[in-house]
Amino acid sequence: FQPWPGTFIPWHDKVVKVLRAFSVDADIDQGFPGQWIVFRGQPAVWTGKGMLVLKVLQPAGKKPMQGAEFLRGVRNQI
C-alpha cells in the first residue's frame, strides 16, 4: 500500500495533509462542506454526508501531529 499522494484539506492560505481520520454521519444542515469545526476536542471538516474528524494531520512545513495538538496551535481560528 502506497499512501501517496494522500489527502489534503485547505486551511486558510495553506494545506493540511490528513494522515489519520474517521467519518461521522451527521445532519448536513448543521454546516456546509469544507467548513472546519471542533468535534469532541478534535478538528473536523464538514463533508457532503457528515464530517471527517482529523485524528492525525500535518500542516504544510510542519511535522505530523495529533488533532488536539493542532487545535492548541490554532487557537480561535476555527
PDB file of N, CA and C in Angstrom:
ATOM      1  N   PHE A   1       0.844  -1.186   0.000  1.00  0.00           N
ATOM      2  CA  PHE A   1       0.000   0.000   0.000  1.00  0.00           C
ATOM      3  C   PHE A   1       0.880   1.237   0.000  1.00  0.00           C
ATOM      4  N   GLN A   2       0.642   2.116  -0.914  1.00  0.00           N
ATOM      5  CA  GLN A   2       1.392   3.371  -1.017  1.00  0.00           C
ATOM      6  C   GLN A   2       0.460   4.530  -0.686  1.00  0.00           C
ATOM      7  N   PRO A   3       0.716   5.283   0.373  1.00  0.00           N
ATOM      8  CA  PRO A   3      -0.189   6.377   0.756  1.00  0.00           C
ATOM      9  C   PRO A   3      -0.072   7.630  -0.107  1.00  0.00           C
ATOM     10  N   TRP A   4       0.767   7.603  -1.117  1.00  0.00           N
ATOM     11  CA  TRP A   4       0.927   8.762  -1.988  1.00  0.00           C
ATOM     12  C   TRP A   4      -0.239   8.816  -2.963  1.00  0.00           C
ATOM     13  N   PRO A   5      -0.825   9.909  -3.336  1.00  0.00           N
ATOM     14  CA  PRO A   5      -0.421  11.248  -2.963  1.00  0.00           C
ATOM     15  C   PRO A   5      -1.029  11.715  -1.644  1.00  0.00           C
ATOM     16  N   GLY A   6      -1.963  10.970  -1.081  1.00  0.00           N
ATOM     17  CA  GLY A   6      -2.565  11.359   0.189  1.00  0.00           C
ATOM     18  C   GLY A   6      -3.754  12.282   0.006  1.00  0.00           C
ATOM     19  N   THR A   7      -4.280  12.750   1.125  1.00  0.00           N
ATOM     20  CA  THR A   7      -5.444  13.635   1.128  1.00  0.00           C
ATOM     21  C   THR A   7      -5.062  14.962   1.758  1.00  0.00           C
ATOM     22  N   PHE A   8      -5.466  16.042   1.118  1.00  0.00           N
ATOM     23  CA  PHE A   8      -5.150  17.379   1.599  1.00  0.00           C
ATOM     24  C   PHE A   8      -6.434  18.180   1.752  1.00  0.00           C
ATOM     25  N   ILE A   9      -6.469  19.042   2.774  1.00  0.00           N
ATOM     26  CA  ILE A   9      -7.616  19.903   3.024  1.00  0.00           C
ATOM     27  C   ILE A   9      -7.107  21.341   3.126  1.00  0.00           C
ATOM     28  N   PRO A  10      -7.769  22.286   2.464  1.00  0.00           N
ATOM     29  CA  PRO A  10      -7.333  23.685   2.565  1.00  0.00           C
ATOM     30  C   PRO A  10      -7.509  24.230   3.987  1.00  0.00           C
ATOM     31  N   TRP A  11      -6.524  24.981   4.419  1.00  0.00           N
ATOM     32  CA  TRP A  11      -6.579  25.655   5.723  1.00  0.00           C
ATOM     33  C   TRP A  11      -6.047  27.073   5.517  1.00  0.00           C
ATOM     34  N   HIS A  12      -6.921  28.048   5.531  1.00  0.00           N
ATOM     35  CA  HIS A  12      -6.582  29.438   5.232  1.00  0.00           C
ATOM     36  C   HIS A  12      -5.845  29.489   3.894  1.00  0.00           C
ATOM     37  N   ASP A  13      -4.617  29.953   3.833  1.00  0.00           N
ATOM     38  CA  ASP A  13      -3.913  30.029   2.549  1.00  0.00           C
ATOM     39  C   ASP A  13      -2.923  28.881   2.360  1.00  0.00           C
ATOM     40  N   LYS A  14      -3.034  27.828   3.185  1.00  0.00           N
ATOM     41  CA  LYS A  14      -2.143  26.671   3.113  1.00  0.00           C
ATOM     42  C   LYS A  14      -2.973  25.398   2.994  1.00  0.00           C
ATOM     43  N   VAL A  15      -2.300  24.265   3.042  1.00  0.00           N
ATOM     44  CA  VAL A  15      -2.996  22.982   3.040  1.00  0.00           C
ATOM     45  C   VAL A  15      -2.546  22.155   4.236  1.00  0.00           C
ATOM     46  N   VAL A  16      -3.412  21.249   4.645  1.00  0.00           N
ATOM     47  CA  VAL A  16      -3.130  20.325   5.731  1.00  0.00           C
ATOM     48  C   VAL A  16      -3.271  18.918   5.163  1.00  0.00           C
ATOM     49  N   LYS A  17      -2.268  18.085   5.381  1.00  0.00           N
ATOM     50  CA  LYS A  17      -2.328  16.697   4.929  1.00  0.00           C
ATOM     51  C   LYS A  17      -3.002  15.859   6.003  1.00  0.00           C
ATOM     52  N   VAL A  18      -3.956  15.048   5.598  1.00  0.00           N
ATOM     53  CA  VAL A  18      -4.680  14.174   6.523  1.00  0.00           C
ATOM     54  C   VAL A  18      -3.959  12.834   6.570  1.00  0.00           C
ATOM     55  N   LEU A  19      -3.502  12.444   7.764  1.00  0.00           N
ATOM     56  CA  LEU A  19      -2.790  11.183   7.927  1.00  0.00           C
ATOM     57  C   LEU A  19      -3.658  10.108   8.565  1.00  0.00           C
ATOM     58  N   ARG A  20      -4.576  10.499   9.437  1.00  0.00           N
ATOM     59  CA  ARG A  20      -5.496   9.554  10.070  1.00  0.00           C
ATOM     60  C   ARG A  20      -6.782  10.300  10.389  1.00  0.00           C
ATOM     61  N   ALA A  21      -7.904   9.717   9.997  1.00  0.00           N
ATOM     62  CA  ALA A  21      -9.192  10.375  10.205  1.00  0.00           C
ATOM     63  C   ALA A  21     -10.293   9.327  10.247  1.00  0.00           C
ATOM     64  N   PHE A  22     -11.457   9.741  10.693  1.00  0.00           N
ATOM     65  CA  PHE A  22     -12.631   8.874  10.624  1.00  0.00           C
ATOM     66  C   PHE A  22     -13.848   9.731  10.317  1.00  0.00           C
ATOM     67  N   SER A  23     -14.863   9.105   9.761  1.00  0.00           N
ATOM     68  CA  SER A  23     -16.066   9.848   9.381  1.00  0.00           C
ATOM     69  C   SER A  23     -17.151   9.694  10.436  1.00  0.00           C
ATOM     70  N   VAL A  24     -18.011  10.691  10.502  1.00  0.00           N
ATOM     71  CA  VAL A  24     -19.164  10.687  11.407  1.00  0.00           C
ATOM     72  C   VAL A  24     -20.370  11.115  10.588  1.00  0.00           C
ATOM     73  N   ASP A  25     -21.390  10.268  10.569  1.00  0.00           N
ATOM     74  CA  ASP A  25     -22.630  10.651   9.894  1.00  0.00           C
ATOM     75  C   ASP A  25     -23.322  11.710  10.729  1.00  0.00           C
ATOM     76  N   ALA A  26     -23.737  12.782  10.085  1.00  0.00           N
ATOM     77  CA  ALA A  26     -24.394  13.877  10.797  1.00  0.00           C
ATOM     78  C   ALA A  26     -25.313  14.614   9.841  1.00  0.00           C
ATOM     79  N   ASP A  27     -26.206  15.386  10.396  1.00  0.00           N
ATOM     80  CA  ASP A  27     -27.129  16.185   9.601  1.00  0.00           C
ATOM     81  C   ASP A  27     -26.358  17.329   8.951  1.00  0.00           C
ATOM     82  N   ILE A  28     -26.309  17.341   7.625  1.00  0.00           N
ATOM     83  CA  ILE A  28     -25.527  18.348   6.905  1.00  0.00           C
ATOM     84  C   ILE A  28     -26.074  19.751   7.102  1.00  0.00           C
ATOM     85  N   ASP A  29     -27.303  19.882   7.559  1.00  0.00           N
ATOM     86  CA  ASP A  29     -27.863  21.207   7.797  1.00  0.00           C
ATOM     87  C   ASP A  29     -27.104  21.965   8.882  1.00  0.00           C
ATOM     88  N   GLN A  30     -26.282  21.262   9.640  1.00  0.00           N
ATOM     89  CA  GLN A  30     -25.531  21.906  10.715  1.00  0.00           C
ATOM     90  C   GLN A  30     -24.309  22.664  10.189  1.00  0.00           C
ATOM     91  N   GLY A  31     -23.855  22.357   9.002  1.00  0.00           N
ATOM     92  CA  GLY A  31     -22.676  23.009   8.449  1.00  0.00           C
ATOM     93  C   GLY A  31     -22.662  22.866   6.946  1.00  0.00           C
ATOM     94  N   PHE A  32     -21.640  23.417   6.308  1.00  0.00           N
ATOM     95  CA  PHE A  32     -21.530  23.304   4.858  1.00  0.00           C
ATOM     96  C   PHE A  32     -20.209  22.625   4.512  1.00  0.00           C
ATOM     97  N   PRO A  33     -20.152  21.903   3.394  1.00  0.00           N
ATOM     98  CA  PRO A  33     -18.930  21.193   3.032  1.00  0.00           C
ATOM     99  C   PRO A  33     -17.713  22.123   2.994  1.00  0.00           C
ATOM    100  N   GLY A  34     -16.640  21.660   3.647  1.00  0.00           N
ATOM    101  CA  GLY A  34     -15.407  22.439   3.710  1.00  0.00           C
ATOM    102  C   GLY A  34     -15.273  23.284   4.969  1.00  0.00           C
ATOM    103  N   GLN A  35     -16.345  23.405   5.742  1.00  0.00           N
ATOM    104  CA  GLN A  35     -16.313  24.202   6.971  1.00  0.00           C
ATOM    105  C   GLN A  35     -15.601  23.426   8.075  1.00  0.00           C
ATOM    106  N   TRP A  36     -14.614  24.063   8.701  1.00  0.00           N
ATOM    107  CA  TRP A  36     -13.884  23.463   9.817  1.00  0.00           C
ATOM    108  C   TRP A  36     -14.664  23.688  11.107  1.00  0.00           C
ATOM    109  N   ILE A  37     -14.675  22.668  11.982  1.00  0.00           N
ATOM    110  CA  ILE A  37     -15.320  22.765  13.299  1.00  0.00           C
ATOM    111  C   ILE A  37     -14.482  21.981  14.304  1.00  0.00           C
ATOM    112  N   VAL A  38     -14.841  22.086  15.572  1.00  0.00           N
ATOM    113  CA  VAL A  38     -14.240  21.261  16.614  1.00  0.00           C
ATOM    114  C   VAL A  38     -15.294  20.242  17.030  1.00  0.00           C
ATOM    115  N   PHE A  39     -14.941  18.966  16.983  1.00  0.00           N
ATOM    116  CA  PHE A  39     -15.850  17.876  17.338  1.00  0.00           C
ATOM    117  C   PHE A  39     -15.188  17.031  18.410  1.00  0.00           C
ATOM    118  N   ARG A  40     -15.717  17.095  19.622  1.00  0.00           N
ATOM    119  CA  ARG A  40     -15.191  16.316  20.757  1.00  0.00           C
ATOM    120  C   ARG A  40     -13.687  16.507  20.945  1.00  0.00           C
ATOM    121  N   GLY A  41     -13.249  17.757  20.865  1.00  0.00           N
ATOM    122  CA  GLY A  41     -11.850  18.083  21.105  1.00  0.00           C
ATOM    123  C   GLY A  41     -10.915  17.807  19.950  1.00  0.00           C
ATOM    124  N   GLN A  42     -11.462  17.471  18.777  1.00  0.00           N
ATOM    125  CA  GLN A  42     -10.655  17.186  17.596  1.00  0.00           C
ATOM    126  C   GLN A  42     -11.095  18.104  16.461  1.00  0.00           C
ATOM    127  N   PRO A  43     -10.177  18.487  15.573  1.00  0.00           N
ATOM    128  CA  PRO A  43     -10.597  19.261  14.405  1.00  0.00           C
ATOM    129  C   PRO A  43     -11.390  18.360  13.459  1.00  0.00           C
ATOM    130  N   ALA A  44     -12.373  18.938  12.805  1.00  0.00           N
ATOM    131  CA  ALA A  44     -13.195  18.183  11.861  1.00  0.00           C
ATOM    132  C   ALA A  44     -13.600  19.109  10.721  1.00  0.00           C
ATOM    133  N   VAL A  45     -13.951  18.496   9.600  1.00  0.00           N
ATOM    134  CA  VAL A  45     -14.369  19.250   8.426  1.00  0.00           C
ATOM    135  C   VAL A  45     -15.693  18.655   7.954  1.00  0.00           C
ATOM    136  N   TRP A  46     -16.689  19.532   7.743  1.00  0.00           N
ATOM    137  CA  TRP A  46     -17.968  19.067   7.200  1.00  0.00           C
ATOM    138  C   TRP A  46     -17.765  18.575   5.784  1.00  0.00           C
ATOM    139  N   THR A  47     -18.483  17.511   5.423  1.00  0.00           N
ATOM    140  CA  THR A  47     -18.466  16.969   4.068  1.00  0.00           C
ATOM    141  C   THR A  47     -19.892  16.979   3.537  1.00  0.00           C
ATOM    142  N   GLY A  48     -20.106  16.402   2.398  1.00  0.00           N
ATOM    143  CA  GLY A  48     -21.447  16.332   1.831  1.00  0.00           C
ATOM    144  C   GLY A  48     -22.359  15.365   2.565  1.00  0.00           C
ATOM    145  N   LYS A  49     -21.783  14.469   3.396  1.00  0.00           N
ATOM    146  CA  LYS A  49     -22.583  13.460   4.088  1.00  0.00           C
ATOM    147  C   LYS A  49     -22.194  13.315   5.551  1.00  0.00           C
ATOM    148  N   GLY A  50     -21.824  14.366   6.203  1.00  0.00           N
ATOM    149  CA  GLY A  50     -21.435  14.297   7.604  1.00  0.00           C
ATOM    150  C   GLY A  50     -20.159  15.079   7.837  1.00  0.00           C
ATOM    151  N   MET A  51     -19.246  14.496   8.628  1.00  0.00           N
ATOM    152  CA  MET A  51     -17.990  15.191   8.878  1.00  0.00           C
ATOM    153  C   MET A  51     -16.833  14.212   8.908  1.00  0.00           C
ATOM    154  N   LEU A  52     -15.647  14.747   8.645  1.00  0.00           N
ATOM    155  CA  LEU A  52     -14.409  13.996   8.711  1.00  0.00           C
ATOM    156  C   LEU A  52     -13.636  14.532   9.903  1.00  0.00           C
ATOM    157  N   VAL A  53     -13.424  13.675  10.894  1.00  0.00           N
ATOM    158  CA  VAL A  53     -12.704  14.063  12.110  1.00  0.00           C
ATOM    159  C   VAL A  53     -11.229  13.734  11.901  1.00  0.00           C
ATOM    160  N   LEU A  54     -10.373  14.721  12.092  1.00  0.00           N
ATOM    161  CA  LEU A  54      -8.944  14.595  11.811  1.00  0.00           C
ATOM    162  C   LEU A  54      -8.180  14.196  13.070  1.00  0.00           C
ATOM    163  N   LYS A  55      -7.792  12.938  13.156  1.00  0.00           N
ATOM    164  CA  LYS A  55      -7.056  12.430  14.319  1.00  0.00           C
ATOM    165  C   LYS A  55      -5.576  12.792  14.253  1.00  0.00           C
ATOM    166  N   VAL A  56      -4.945  12.617  13.089  1.00  0.00           N
ATOM    167  CA  VAL A  56      -3.537  12.949  12.898  1.00  0.00           C
ATOM    168  C   VAL A  56      -3.442  13.717  11.583  1.00  0.00           C
ATOM    169  N   LEU A  57      -2.779  14.854  11.628  1.00  0.00           N
ATOM    170  CA  LEU A  57      -2.643  15.673  10.429  1.00  0.00           C
ATOM    171  C   LEU A  57      -1.272  16.319  10.391  1.00  0.00           C
ATOM    172  N   GLN A  58      -0.959  16.891   9.232  1.00  0.00           N
ATOM    173  CA  GLN A  58       0.349  17.520   9.049  1.00  0.00           C
ATOM    174  C   GLN A  58       0.183  18.835   8.297  1.00  0.00           C
ATOM    175  N   PRO A  59       0.268  19.960   9.021  1.00  0.00           N
ATOM    176  CA  PRO A  59       0.222  21.257   8.343  1.00  0.00           C
ATOM    177  C   PRO A  59       1.442  21.417   7.441  1.00  0.00           C
ATOM    178  N   ALA A  60       1.302  22.209   6.390  1.00  0.00           N
ATOM    179  CA  ALA A  60       2.404  22.442   5.452  1.00  0.00           C
ATOM    180  C   ALA A  60       3.643  22.934   6.198  1.00  0.00           C
ATOM    181  N   GLY A  61       4.776  22.271   5.966  1.00  0.00           N
ATOM    182  CA  GLY A  61       6.037  22.675   6.569  1.00  0.00           C
ATOM    183  C   GLY A  61       6.216  22.261   8.019  1.00  0.00           C
ATOM    184  N   LYS A  62       5.297  21.455   8.561  1.00  0.00           N
ATOM    185  CA  LYS A  62       5.382  21.027   9.969  1.00  0.00           C
ATOM    186  C   LYS A  62       5.440  19.510  10.048  1.00  0.00           C
ATOM    187  N   LYS A  63       5.722  19.011  11.240  1.00  0.00           N
ATOM    188  CA  LYS A  63       5.724  17.578  11.490  1.00  0.00           C
ATOM    189  C   LYS A  63       4.292  17.092  11.714  1.00  0.00           C
ATOM    190  N   PRO A  64       4.038  15.796  11.512  1.00  0.00           N
ATOM    191  CA  PRO A  64       2.709  15.258  11.820  1.00  0.00           C
ATOM    192  C   PRO A  64       2.372  15.481  13.293  1.00  0.00           C
ATOM    193  N   MET A  65       1.084  15.723  13.565  1.00  0.00           N
ATOM    194  CA  MET A  65       0.644  15.970  14.942  1.00  0.00           C
ATOM    195  C   MET A  65      -0.771  15.453  15.162  1.00  0.00           C
ATOM    196  N   GLN A  66      -1.084  15.227  16.420  1.00  0.00           N
ATOM    197  CA  GLN A  66      -2.439  14.830  16.802  1.00  0.00           C
ATOM    198  C   GLN A  66      -3.391  16.002  16.577  1.00  0.00           C
ATOM    199  N   GLY A  67      -4.660  15.696  16.349  1.00  0.00           N
ATOM    200  CA  GLY A  67      -5.649  16.734  16.112  1.00  0.00           C
ATOM    201  C   GLY A  67      -5.755  17.734  17.248  1.00  0.00           C
ATOM    202  N   ALA A  68      -5.749  17.249  18.493  1.00  0.00           N
ATOM    203  CA  ALA A  68      -5.854  18.142  19.649  1.00  0.00           C
ATOM    204  C   ALA A  68      -4.655  19.083  19.725  1.00  0.00           C
ATOM    205  N   GLU A  69      -3.483  18.592  19.372  1.00  0.00           N
ATOM    206  CA  GLU A  69      -2.276  19.424  19.366  1.00  0.00           C
ATOM    207  C   GLU A  69      -2.397  20.531  18.308  1.00  0.00           C
ATOM    208  N   PHE A  70      -2.951  20.189  17.146  1.00  0.00           N
ATOM    209  CA  PHE A  70      -3.173  21.166  16.088  1.00  0.00           C
ATOM    210  C   PHE A  70      -4.096  22.277  16.597  1.00  0.00           C
ATOM    211  N   LEU A  71      -5.161  21.892  17.298  1.00  0.00           N
ATOM    212  CA  LEU A  71      -6.109  22.884  17.812  1.00  0.00           C
ATOM    213  C   LEU A  71      -5.447  23.847  18.796  1.00  0.00           C
ATOM    214  N   ARG A  72      -4.544  23.342  19.625  1.00  0.00           N
ATOM    215  CA  ARG A  72      -3.855  24.229  20.566  1.00  0.00           C
ATOM    216  C   ARG A  72      -3.009  25.266  19.829  1.00  0.00           C
ATOM    217  N   GLY A  73      -2.492  24.908  18.663  1.00  0.00           N
ATOM    218  CA  GLY A  73      -1.646  25.822  17.904  1.00  0.00           C
ATOM    219  C   GLY A  73      -2.422  26.837  17.071  1.00  0.00           C
ATOM    220  N   VAL A  74      -3.706  26.592  16.840  1.00  0.00           N
ATOM    221  CA  VAL A  74      -4.508  27.486  16.002  1.00  0.00           C
ATOM    222  C   VAL A  74      -5.662  28.090  16.808  1.00  0.00           C
ATOM    223  N   ARG A  75      -5.420  28.368  18.050  1.00  0.00           N
ATOM    224  CA  ARG A  75      -6.476  28.892  18.943  1.00  0.00           C
ATOM    225  C   ARG A  75      -7.341  29.944  18.263  1.00  0.00           C
ATOM    226  N   ASN A  76      -8.634  29.814  18.447  1.00  0.00           N
ATOM    227  CA  ASN A  76      -9.630  30.788  17.978  1.00  0.00           C
ATOM    228  C   ASN A  76      -9.641  30.978  16.459  1.00  0.00           C
ATOM    229  N   GLN A  77      -9.085  30.078  15.684  1.00  0.00           N
ATOM    230  CA  GLN A  77      -9.112  30.197  14.234  1.00  0.00           C
ATOM    231  C   GLN A  77     -10.136  29.261  13.590  1.00  0.00           C
ATOM    232  N   ILE A  78     -10.759  28.415  14.385  1.00  0.00           N
ATOM    233  CA  ILE A  78     -11.789  27.526  13.871  1.00  0.00           C
ATOM    234  C   ILE A  78     -13.131  28.023  14.370  1.00  0.00           C
TER     235      ILE A  78
END
